[in-house]
C-alpha atoms as a PDB file:
ATOM      1  CA  MET A   1       0.000   0.000   0.000  1.00  0.00           C
ATOM      2  CA  PRO A   2       1.136   3.599  -0.580  1.00  0.00           C
ATOM      3  CA  THR A   3       3.163   5.081   2.260  1.00  0.00           C
ATOM      4  CA  TYR A   4       2.394   8.714   1.500  1.00  0.00           C
ATOM      5  CA  VAL A   5      -0.260  11.078   2.781  1.00  0.00           C
ATOM      6  CA  LEU A   6      -2.438  13.591   0.944  1.00  0.00           C
ATOM      7  CA  THR A   7      -2.774  17.072   2.395  1.00  0.00           C
ATOM      8  CA  CYS A   8      -4.485  20.286   1.356  1.00  0.00           C
ATOM      9  CA  GLU A   9      -5.846  23.545   2.730  1.00  0.00           C
ATOM     10  CA  SER A  10      -9.259  24.370   4.106  1.00  0.00           C
ATOM     11  CA  THR A  11      -9.983  26.426   0.985  1.00  0.00           C
ATOM     12  CA  ALA A  12     -10.764  23.148  -0.814  1.00  0.00           C
ATOM     13  CA  ASP A  13     -14.340  23.752   0.425  1.00  0.00           C
ATOM     14  CA  TYR A  14     -15.522  20.242   1.143  1.00  0.00           C
ATOM     15  CA  PRO A  15     -16.941  19.327   4.576  1.00  0.00           C
ATOM     16  CA  LYS A  16     -14.784  17.883   7.351  1.00  0.00           C
ATOM     17  CA  SER A  17     -16.635  14.575   7.037  1.00  0.00           C
ATOM     18  CA  PHE A  18     -15.372  14.237   3.454  1.00  0.00           C
ATOM     19  CA  PHE A  19     -11.725  14.785   4.377  1.00  0.00           C
ATOM     20  CA  ASP A  20     -12.032  12.394   7.321  1.00  0.00           C
ATOM     21  CA  ALA A  21     -13.630   9.691   5.176  1.00  0.00           C
ATOM     22  CA  ARG A  22     -11.045  10.088   2.401  1.00  0.00           C
ATOM     23  CA  ASP A  23      -8.090  10.249   4.837  1.00  0.00           C
ATOM     24  CA  ILE A  24      -6.931  13.672   3.627  1.00  0.00           C
ATOM     25  CA  ARG A  25      -5.200  15.961   6.141  1.00  0.00           C
ATOM     26  CA  VAL A  26      -6.242  19.632   6.142  1.00  0.00           C
ATOM     27  CA  VAL A  27      -4.361  22.711   7.313  1.00  0.00           C
ATOM     28  CA  TYR A  28      -6.485  25.753   8.115  1.00  0.00           C
ATOM     29  CA  PHE A  29      -6.439  29.269   6.715  1.00  0.00           C
ATOM     30  CA  HIS A  30      -7.638  32.065   9.024  1.00  0.00           C
ATOM     31  CA  TYR A  31     -10.199  34.826   8.777  1.00  0.00           C
ATOM     32  CA  GLU A  32     -10.979  37.892  10.827  1.00  0.00           C
ATOM     33  CA  LEU A  33     -14.643  38.760  11.263  1.00  0.00           C
ATOM     34  CA  ASP A  34     -15.365  42.134  12.831  1.00  0.00           C
ATOM     35  CA  GLY A  35     -11.917  42.192  14.423  1.00  0.00           C
ATOM     36  CA  VAL A  36     -12.020  38.647  15.842  1.00  0.00           C
ATOM     37  CA  VAL A  37      -9.619  36.070  14.346  1.00  0.00           C
ATOM     38  CA  HIS A  38     -10.946  32.577  13.616  1.00  0.00           C
ATOM     39  CA  GLU A  39      -9.617  29.395  12.045  1.00  0.00           C
ATOM     40  CA  ASP A  40     -11.227  28.393   8.775  1.00  0.00           C
ATOM     41  CA  ASP A  41     -12.104  25.081  10.420  1.00  0.00           C
ATOM     42  CA  LEU A  42     -14.610  23.762   7.879  1.00  0.00           C
ATOM     43  CA  TYR A  43     -17.581  25.212   9.754  1.00  0.00           C
ATOM     44  CA  GLN A  44     -16.888  23.350  12.988  1.00  0.00           C
ATOM     45  CA  SER A  45     -17.078  26.497  15.141  1.00  0.00           C
ATOM     46  CA  VAL A  46     -19.484  28.617  13.072  1.00  0.00           C
ATOM     47  CA  SER A  47     -22.225  27.551  10.672  1.00  0.00           C
ATOM     48  CA  PRO A  48     -22.533  28.747   7.066  1.00  0.00           C
ATOM     49  CA  GLU A  49     -25.811  30.401   8.033  1.00  0.00           C
ATOM     50  CA  GLU A  50     -24.123  32.368  10.816  1.00  0.00           C
ATOM     51  CA  PHE A  51     -21.152  33.384   8.679  1.00  0.00           C
ATOM     52  CA  PHE A  52     -23.041  34.533   5.601  1.00  0.00           C
ATOM     53  CA  GLY A  53     -25.751  36.017   7.785  1.00  0.00           C
ATOM     54  CA  ALA A  54     -23.099  38.248   9.359  1.00  0.00           C
ATOM     55  CA  LEU A  55     -21.835  39.318   5.928  1.00  0.00           C
ATOM     56  CA  LYS A  56     -25.363  40.118   4.796  1.00  0.00           C
ATOM     57  CA  ALA A  57     -25.798  42.238   7.933  1.00  0.00           C
ATOM     58  CA  GLY A  58     -22.740  44.306   6.991  1.00  0.00           C
ATOM     59  CA  SER A  59     -19.860  42.587   8.804  1.00  0.00           C
ATOM     60  CA  MET A  60     -16.414  42.657   7.196  1.00  0.00           C
ATOM     61  CA  SER A  61     -14.213  39.580   6.886  1.00  0.00           C
ATOM     62  CA  LYS A  62     -10.485  39.588   6.145  1.00  0.00           C
ATOM     63  CA  THR A  63      -8.474  36.464   5.381  1.00  0.00           C
ATOM     64  CA  SER A  64      -4.904  35.282   5.989  1.00  0.00           C
ATOM     65  CA  GLN A  65      -3.100  32.318   4.485  1.00  0.00           C
ATOM     66  CA  VAL A  66      -1.171  29.488   6.086  1.00  0.00           C
ATOM     67  CA  SER A  67       2.299  30.543   7.255  1.00  0.00           C
ATOM     68  CA  VAL A  68       5.599  28.762   6.639  1.00  0.00           C
ATOM     69  CA  GLY A  69       5.725  27.805  10.305  1.00  0.00           C
ATOM     70  CA  GLU A  70       2.228  26.352  10.233  1.00  0.00           C
ATOM     71  CA  TYR A  71       3.079  24.201   7.210  1.00  0.00           C
ATOM     72  CA  THR A  72       6.216  22.984   8.944  1.00  0.00           C
ATOM     73  CA  GLU A  73       4.298  22.045  12.094  1.00  0.00           C
ATOM     74  CA  PHE A  74       1.555  20.417   9.993  1.00  0.00           C
ATOM     75  CA  TRP A  75       3.846  18.181   7.925  1.00  0.00           C
ATOM     76  CA  GLU A  76       6.631  17.299  10.350  1.00  0.00           C
ATOM     77  CA  PRO A  77       4.768  14.518  12.220  1.00  0.00           C
ATOM     78  CA  GLU A  78       4.071  12.761   8.902  1.00  0.00           C
ATOM     79  CA  LEU A  79       7.703  12.967   7.814  1.00  0.00           C
ATOM     80  CA  ALA A  80       8.900  11.793  11.234  1.00  0.00           C
ATOM     81  CA  ALA A  81       6.582   8.783  10.882  1.00  0.00           C
ATOM     82  CA  GLY A  82       8.258   7.870   7.588  1.00  0.00           C
ATOM     83  CA  HIS A  83       5.619   9.202   5.187  1.00  0.00           C
ATOM     84  CA  ASP A  84       6.106  11.261   2.065  1.00  0.00           C
ATOM     85  CA  VAL A  85       3.565  14.072   1.562  1.00  0.00           C
ATOM     86  CA  LEU A  86       1.662  15.180  -1.540  1.00  0.00           C
ATOM     87  CA  HIS A  87       0.206  18.626  -0.915  1.00  0.00           C
ATOM     88  CA  LEU A  88      -1.962  20.699  -3.225  1.00  0.00           C
ATOM     89  CA  THR A  89      -2.217  24.407  -2.500  1.00  0.00           C
ATOM     90  CA  LEU A  90      -4.907  26.941  -3.285  1.00  0.00           C
ATOM     91  CA  SER A  91      -4.259  28.513  -6.699  1.00  0.00           C
ATOM     92  CA  SER A  92      -1.259  30.830  -6.832  1.00  0.00           C
ATOM     93  CA  GLY A  93      -3.419  33.047  -9.031  1.00  0.00           C
ATOM     94  CA  ILE A  94      -5.411  34.151  -6.004  1.00  0.00           C
ATOM     95  CA  SER A  95      -3.144  33.443  -3.024  1.00  0.00           C
ATOM     96  CA  GLY A  96       0.515  33.410  -2.011  1.00  0.00           C
ATOM     97  CA  THR A  97       0.162  30.157  -0.118  1.00  0.00           C
ATOM     98  CA  TYR A  98       2.052  28.141  -2.752  1.00  0.00           C
ATOM     99  CA  ASN A  99       5.257  30.080  -2.095  1.00  0.00           C
ATOM    100  CA  SER A 100       4.937  29.588   1.666  1.00  0.00           C
ATOM    101  CA  ALA A 101       4.380  25.865   1.202  1.00  0.00           C
ATOM    102  CA  VAL A 102       7.459  25.532  -1.038  1.00  0.00           C
ATOM    103  CA  ILE A 103       9.651  27.340   1.513  1.00  0.00           C
ATOM    104  CA  ALA A 104       8.397  25.076   4.311  1.00  0.00           C
ATOM    105  CA  ALA A 105       8.990  21.947   2.206  1.00  0.00           C
ATOM    106  CA  GLN A 106      12.544  23.038   1.423  1.00  0.00           C
ATOM    107  CA  GLY A 107      13.264  23.615   5.093  1.00  0.00           C
ATOM    108  CA  LEU A 108      11.961  20.205   6.069  1.00  0.00           C
ATOM    109  CA  LYS A 109      14.053  18.532   3.360  1.00  0.00           C
ATOM    110  CA  GLU A 110      17.173  19.555   5.261  1.00  0.00           C
ATOM    111  CA  LYS A 111      15.914  17.832   8.408  1.00  0.00           C
ATOM    112  CA  TYR A 112      14.372  14.799   6.673  1.00  0.00           C
ATOM    113  CA  PRO A 113      16.521  14.248   3.558  1.00  0.00           C
ATOM    114  CA  GLU A 114      15.101  10.785   2.988  1.00  0.00           C
ATOM    115  CA  ARG A 115      11.528  12.082   2.797  1.00  0.00           C
ATOM    116  CA  THR A 116       9.772  14.250   0.182  1.00  0.00           C
ATOM    117  CA  VAL A 117       7.054  16.891   0.379  1.00  0.00           C
ATOM    118  CA  CYS A 118       5.710  17.331  -3.157  1.00  0.00           C
ATOM    119  CA  VAL A 119       3.982  20.738  -3.353  1.00  0.00           C
ATOM    120  CA  VAL A 120       1.650  21.202  -6.329  1.00  0.00           C
ATOM    121  CA  ASP A 121       0.010  24.497  -7.217  1.00  0.00           C
ATOM    122  CA  SER A 122      -3.546  23.294  -7.866  1.00  0.00           C
ATOM    123  CA  LEU A 123      -4.419  26.369  -9.973  1.00  0.00           C
ATOM    124  CA  ALA A 124      -7.862  25.625  -8.527  1.00  0.00           C
ATOM    125  CA  ALA A 125     -10.118  26.936  -5.802  1.00  0.00           C
ATOM    126  CA  SER A 126     -13.093  26.009  -3.662  1.00  0.00           C
ATOM    127  CA  SER A 127     -14.723  22.669  -4.463  1.00  0.00           C
ATOM    128  CA  GLY A 128     -12.762  22.394  -7.723  1.00  0.00           C
ATOM    129  CA  TYR A 129      -9.670  22.178  -5.532  1.00  0.00           C
ATOM    130  CA  GLY A 130     -11.488  19.685  -3.332  1.00  0.00           C
ATOM    131  CA  LEU A 131     -12.513  17.650  -6.356  1.00  0.00           C
ATOM    132  CA  LEU A 132      -8.860  17.271  -7.370  1.00  0.00           C
ATOM    133  CA  MET A 133      -8.167  15.897  -3.888  1.00  0.00           C
ATOM    134  CA  ASP A 134     -11.023  13.426  -4.341  1.00  0.00           C
ATOM    135  CA  TYR A 135      -9.470  12.150  -7.578  1.00  0.00           C
ATOM    136  CA  LEU A 136      -6.069  11.871  -5.888  1.00  0.00           C
ATOM    137  CA  ALA A 137      -7.577   9.860  -3.031  1.00  0.00           C
ATOM    138  CA  ASP A 138      -9.001   7.467  -5.628  1.00  0.00           C
ATOM    139  CA  LEU A 139      -5.536   7.077  -7.151  1.00  0.00           C
ATOM    140  CA  ARG A 140      -3.894   6.509  -3.778  1.00  0.00           C
ATOM    141  CA  ASP A 141      -6.512   3.975  -2.735  1.00  0.00           C
ATOM    142  CA  GLY A 142      -6.093   2.231  -6.076  1.00  0.00           C
ATOM    143  CA  GLY A 143      -2.412   1.668  -5.362  1.00  0.00           C
ATOM    144  CA  ALA A 144      -0.810   4.526  -7.302  1.00  0.00           C
ATOM    145  CA  SER A 145       2.726   5.294  -6.195  1.00  0.00           C
ATOM    146  CA  PHE A 146       3.758   8.634  -4.731  1.00  0.00           C
ATOM    147  CA  GLU A 147       5.487   9.557  -7.978  1.00  0.00           C
ATOM    148  CA  GLU A 148       2.440   8.563 -10.039  1.00  0.00           C
ATOM    149  CA  ALA A 149       0.101  10.634  -7.864  1.00  0.00           C
ATOM    150  CA  CYS A 150       2.374  13.700  -8.044  1.00  0.00           C
ATOM    151  CA  ALA A 151       2.604  13.373 -11.832  1.00  0.00           C
ATOM    152  CA  TRP A 152      -1.172  12.972 -12.188  1.00  0.00           C
ATOM    153  CA  ALA A 153      -1.785  16.145 -10.166  1.00  0.00           C
ATOM    154  CA  GLU A 154       0.550  18.188 -12.378  1.00  0.00           C
ATOM    155  CA  ASP A 155      -0.714  16.663 -15.623  1.00  0.00           C
ATOM    156  CA  ASN A 156      -4.445  16.969 -14.916  1.00  0.00           C
ATOM    157  CA  LYS A 157      -4.970  20.034 -12.717  1.00  0.00           C
ATOM    158  CA  LEU A 158      -5.765  22.311 -15.663  1.00  0.00           C
ATOM    159  CA  ASN A 159      -8.522  19.940 -16.761  1.00  0.00           C
ATOM    160  CA  MET A 160     -10.494  20.926 -13.668  1.00  0.00           C
ATOM    161  CA  ASN A 161     -12.981  23.470 -15.028  1.00  0.00           C
ATOM    162  CA  HIS A 162     -14.445  26.230 -12.831  1.00  0.00           C
ATOM    163  CA  TRP A 163     -17.527  28.247 -13.827  1.00  0.00           C
ATOM    164  CA  PHE A 164     -19.420  30.460 -11.413  1.00  0.00           C
ATOM    165  CA  PHE A 165     -21.666  33.470 -11.048  1.00  0.00           C
ATOM    166  CA  VAL A 166     -22.168  36.090  -8.344  1.00  0.00           C
ATOM    167  CA  SER A 167     -25.676  37.416  -7.778  1.00  0.00           C
ATOM    168  CA  ASP A 168     -24.951  39.674  -4.772  1.00  0.00           C
ATOM    169  CA  LEU A 169     -22.171  42.194  -5.417  1.00  0.00           C
ATOM    170  CA  ASP A 170     -22.299  43.890  -2.021  1.00  0.00           C
ATOM    171  CA  CYS A 171     -19.292  42.057  -0.530  1.00  0.00           C
ATOM    172  CA  LEU A 172     -17.286  42.569  -3.702  1.00  0.00           C
ATOM    173  CA  LYS A 173     -18.098  46.282  -3.467  1.00  0.00           C
ATOM    174  CA  ARG A 174     -17.205  46.570   0.221  1.00  0.00           C
ATOM    175  CA  GLY A 175     -13.967  44.684  -0.368  1.00  0.00           C
ATOM    176  CA  GLY A 176     -13.000  47.035  -3.183  1.00  0.00           C
ATOM    177  CA  ARG A 177     -13.146  44.321  -5.857  1.00  0.00           C
ATOM    178  CA  VAL A 178     -15.788  46.200  -7.839  1.00  0.00           C
ATOM    179  CA  SER A 179     -16.557  49.912  -7.717  1.00  0.00           C
ATOM    180  CA  ALA A 180     -19.639  51.208  -5.945  1.00  0.00           C
ATOM    181  CA  THR A 181     -20.927  52.563  -9.255  1.00  0.00           C
ATOM    182  CA  SER A 182     -20.470  49.246 -11.066  1.00  0.00           C
ATOM    183  CA  ALA A 183     -22.167  47.381  -8.227  1.00  0.00           C
ATOM    184  CA  LEU A 184     -25.089  49.824  -8.226  1.00  0.00           C
ATOM    185  CA  ILE A 185     -25.609  49.535 -11.987  1.00  0.00           C
ATOM    186  CA  ALA A 186     -25.273  45.746 -11.944  1.00  0.00           C
ATOM    187  CA  THR A 187     -27.783  45.460  -9.117  1.00  0.00           C
ATOM    188  CA  ALA A 188     -30.254  47.774 -10.827  1.00  0.00           C
ATOM    189  CA  LEU A 189     -30.016  45.791 -14.082  1.00  0.00           C
ATOM    190  CA  LYS A 190     -30.003  42.427 -12.247  1.00  0.00           C
ATOM    191  CA  ILE A 191     -26.668  41.541 -13.813  1.00  0.00           C
ATOM    192  CA  CYS A 192     -24.907  38.391 -12.603  1.00  0.00           C
ATOM    193  CA  PRO A 193     -21.254  38.283 -13.710  1.00  0.00           C
ATOM    194  CA  VAL A 194     -20.260  34.824 -14.976  1.00  0.00           C
ATOM    195  CA  MET A 195     -16.590  34.025 -14.407  1.00  0.00           C
ATOM    196  CA  ASN A 196     -14.139  31.164 -14.586  1.00  0.00           C
ATOM    197  CA  VAL A 197     -10.597  30.327 -13.483  1.00  0.00           C
ATOM    198  CA  ASP A 198      -8.025  30.555 -16.282  1.00  0.00           C
ATOM    199  CA  TYR A 199      -4.835  28.576 -16.946  1.00  0.00           C
ATOM    200  CA  GLU A 200      -2.912  30.782 -14.499  1.00  0.00           C
ATOM    201  CA  GLY A 201      -5.439  30.098 -11.765  1.00  0.00           C
ATOM    202  CA  LYS A 202      -6.833  33.637 -11.868  1.00  0.00           C
ATOM    203  CA  LEU A 203     -10.496  34.653 -11.734  1.00  0.00           C
ATOM    204  CA  ILE A 204     -11.567  36.004 -15.125  1.00  0.00           C
ATOM    205  CA  PRO A 205     -14.928  37.693 -15.925  1.00  0.00           C
ATOM    206  CA  ARG A 206     -16.454  36.102 -19.044  1.00  0.00           C
ATOM    207  CA  GLU A 207     -20.043  37.320 -19.386  1.00  0.00           C
ATOM    208  CA  LYS A 208     -22.475  39.802 -17.871  1.00  0.00           C
ATOM    209  CA  ILE A 209     -25.764  37.930 -17.736  1.00  0.00           C
ATOM    210  CA  ARG A 210     -29.038  39.667 -16.934  1.00  0.00           C
ATOM    211  CA  THR A 211     -31.020  37.774 -14.280  1.00  0.00           C
ATOM    212  CA  LYS A 212     -29.915  34.940 -12.073  1.00  0.00           C
ATOM    213  CA  LYS A 213     -32.151  32.480 -13.901  1.00  0.00           C
ATOM    214  CA  LYS A 214     -30.206  33.027 -17.122  1.00  0.00           C
ATOM    215  CA  ALA A 215     -26.890  32.820 -15.262  1.00  0.00           C
ATOM    216  CA  ILE A 216     -27.871  29.413 -13.925  1.00  0.00           C
ATOM    217  CA  VAL A 217     -28.556  28.189 -17.450  1.00  0.00           C
ATOM    218  CA  GLU A 218     -25.290  29.730 -18.663  1.00  0.00           C
ATOM    219  CA  LEU A 219     -23.252  27.689 -16.169  1.00  0.00           C
ATOM    220  CA  VAL A 220     -24.758  24.482 -17.512  1.00  0.00           C
ATOM    221  CA  ASN A 221     -24.247  25.616 -21.106  1.00  0.00           C
ATOM    222  CA  ARG A 222     -20.575  26.256 -20.354  1.00  0.00           C
ATOM    223  CA  MET A 223     -20.287  22.799 -18.855  1.00  0.00           C
ATOM    224  CA  MET A 224     -21.733  21.209 -21.979  1.00  0.00           C
ATOM    225  CA  GLU A 225     -19.178  23.104 -24.092  1.00  0.00           C
ATOM    226  CA  HIS A 226     -16.177  21.922 -22.099  1.00  0.00           C
ATOM    227  CA  VAL A 227     -16.952  18.703 -20.182  1.00  0.00           C
ATOM    228  CA  ASP A 228     -15.205  15.436 -21.086  1.00  0.00           C
ATOM    229  CA  GLY A 229     -17.491  13.373 -23.296  1.00  0.00           C
ATOM    230  CA  GLY A 230     -20.326  15.880 -23.416  1.00  0.00           C
ATOM    231  CA  ALA A 231     -23.658  14.309 -22.451  1.00  0.00           C
ATOM    232  CA  GLY A 232     -21.801  11.021 -21.861  1.00  0.00           C
ATOM    233  CA  TYR A 233     -19.696  12.396 -18.986  1.00  0.00           C
ATOM    234  CA  THR A 234     -19.381   9.962 -16.089  1.00  0.00           C
ATOM    235  CA  GLY A 235     -16.714  11.761 -14.052  1.00  0.00           C
ATOM    236  CA  LYS A 236     -17.030  13.716 -10.834  1.00  0.00           C
ATOM    237  CA  CYS A 237     -18.954  16.977 -10.577  1.00  0.00           C
ATOM    238  CA  SER A 238     -19.408  19.336  -7.663  1.00  0.00           C
ATOM    239  CA  ILE A 239     -21.040  22.663  -6.909  1.00  0.00           C
ATOM    240  CA  SER A 240     -20.241  25.098  -4.125  1.00  0.00           C
ATOM    241  CA  GLN A 241     -22.644  27.794  -3.022  1.00  0.00           C
ATOM    242  CA  SER A 242     -22.902  30.618  -0.511  1.00  0.00           C
ATOM    243  CA  ALA A 243     -26.303  30.997   1.136  1.00  0.00           C
ATOM    244  CA  CYS A 244     -28.175  30.188  -2.090  1.00  0.00           C
ATOM    245  CA  ARG A 245     -28.640  26.432  -2.040  1.00  0.00           C
ATOM    246  CA  GLU A 246     -31.826  26.530  -4.114  1.00  0.00           C
ATOM    247  CA  ASP A 247     -29.855  28.088  -6.973  1.00  0.00           C
ATOM    248  CA  ALA A 248     -27.197  25.378  -6.687  1.00  0.00           C
ATOM    249  CA  GLU A 249     -29.887  22.689  -6.680  1.00  0.00           C
ATOM    250  CA  GLU A 250     -31.344  24.140  -9.865  1.00  0.00           C
ATOM    251  CA  VAL A 251     -27.925  23.963 -11.541  1.00  0.00           C
ATOM    252  CA  ALA A 252     -27.628  20.334 -10.425  1.00  0.00           C
ATOM    253  CA  ARG A 253     -31.122  19.561 -11.740  1.00  0.00           C
ATOM    254  CA  LEU A 254     -30.343  20.998 -15.159  1.00  0.00           C
ATOM    255  CA  ILE A 255     -27.084  19.042 -15.282  1.00  0.00           C
ATOM    256  CA  GLY A 256     -29.014  15.854 -14.533  1.00  0.00           C
ATOM    257  CA  GLU A 257     -31.322  16.571 -17.451  1.00  0.00           C
ATOM    258  CA  ARG A 258     -28.466  17.048 -19.892  1.00  0.00           C
ATOM    259  CA  ILE A 259     -26.001  14.482 -18.523  1.00  0.00           C
ATOM    260  CA  PRO A 260     -28.070  11.467 -17.435  1.00  0.00           C
ATOM    261  CA  ALA A 261     -25.203   9.699 -15.641  1.00  0.00           C
ATOM    262  CA  LEU A 262     -24.972  12.634 -13.205  1.00  0.00           C
ATOM    263  CA  LYS A 263     -28.647  12.829 -12.284  1.00  0.00           C
ATOM    264  CA  GLY A 264     -28.826  12.922  -8.492  1.00  0.00           C
ATOM    265  CA  LYS A 265     -25.033  12.571  -8.163  1.00  0.00           C
ATOM    266  CA  VAL A 266     -23.785  16.162  -8.249  1.00  0.00           C
ATOM    267  CA  VAL A 267     -22.224  17.042  -4.879  1.00  0.00           C
ATOM    268  CA  ILE A 268     -23.267  20.414  -3.404  1.00  0.00           C
ATOM    269  CA  ASN A 269     -21.014  22.024  -0.778  1.00  0.00           C
ATOM    270  CA  ASP A 270     -20.967  25.270   1.164  1.00  0.00           C
ATOM    271  CA  ILE A 271     -18.366  27.808   0.080  1.00  0.00           C
ATOM    272  CA  GLY A 272     -15.968  28.146   3.002  1.00  0.00           C
ATOM    273  CA  THR A 273     -15.301  31.180   5.122  1.00  0.00           C
ATOM    274  CA  VAL A 274     -12.116  32.201   3.277  1.00  0.00           C
ATOM    275  CA  ILE A 275     -13.441  32.016  -0.284  1.00  0.00           C
ATOM    276  CA  GLY A 276     -16.786  33.284   1.009  1.00  0.00           C
ATOM    277  CA  SER A 277     -15.134  36.346   2.541  1.00  0.00           C
ATOM    278  CA  HIS A 278     -14.303  37.452  -0.998  1.00  0.00           C
ATOM    279  CA  THR A 279     -17.396  36.317  -2.899  1.00  0.00           C
ATOM    280  CA  GLY A 280     -19.988  37.014  -0.237  1.00  0.00           C
ATOM    281  CA  PRO A 281     -23.408  35.332  -0.352  1.00  0.00           C
ATOM    282  CA  GLY A 282     -25.186  34.588  -3.628  1.00  0.00           C
ATOM    283  CA  THR A 283     -22.387  32.730  -5.431  1.00  0.00           C
ATOM    284  CA  VAL A 284     -22.790  29.397  -7.232  1.00  0.00           C
ATOM    285  CA  ALA A 285     -19.687  27.661  -8.622  1.00  0.00           C
ATOM    286  CA  LEU A 286     -19.624  24.570 -10.844  1.00  0.00           C
ATOM    287  CA  PHE A 287     -16.650  22.179 -11.198  1.00  0.00           C
ATOM    288  CA  PHE A 288     -15.972  19.244 -13.531  1.00  0.00           C
ATOM    289  CA  MET A 289     -13.222  17.611 -15.581  1.00  0.00           C
ATOM    290  CA  GLY A 290     -13.065  18.837 -19.157  1.00  0.00           C
ATOM    291  CA  ASP A 291     -10.965  20.700 -21.708  1.00  0.00           C
ATOM    292  CA  LYS A 292      -7.550  21.785 -20.513  1.00  0.00           C
ATOM    293  CA  ARG A 293      -7.637  25.481 -19.637  1.00  0.00           C
ATOM    294  CA  VAL A 294      -5.537  27.420 -22.153  1.00  0.00           C
ATOM    295  CA  ASP A 295      -6.604  31.038 -21.562  1.00  0.00           C
END
């Protein structure tokens, strides 16, 4: 059996029960809500309803990534026990965590020269990041070697497609990510920006869709354009959402209509506190394996 462990960050936006069941270790980001610092502990100490309810009420949330020291403390027990580590980080296109992880891995190599920490920039976020971890757990459990799992992560990470829309621009406005004027106009016209993650792991606006109903359909249309095998897709698919589960369920329903093998099998997760601090409530994100991202 493989003698390596899989690790990731809490920004993979799957529930704690998933990581426990799949034997994936998680290191936590942090967020500060109204001046109080919390761990992004996969909603163990605060519920999604409480967190997004606070944002809707006007609270501000700031985030901070995992430090070099925290990575070192997180991985060292595994290395001391004789395990190699395969770690995927949140996309370098939206966070500096990859650089911190690489520095920590290099430092540990000096102390444990016989062991390896393979750090892979996932170029992914939220449940797309989590979905890559799910695939890697399948490989590990199927007997893939450490080297094979590391190579698969590098070779396939850009095939993880991300498509999402934001229907509430208030948090983006308060965080300075869109101007007050743009947010006001978009709200008045009921515009939902549709975005994806590009080959550099950056968030890229693609369309300005009027009405949430049309944005929901657009996500599914984008999936049909890019998913492996089109209507014959039998791979994994997940959705993450922030305080708008009915919208996510509608996306899943439409997917089931167009891809029969996925009917009733699309996983819906809550967007975590770190990603949610930036998107705010009203975001639905769709993830699946498809065309390699090239722009």
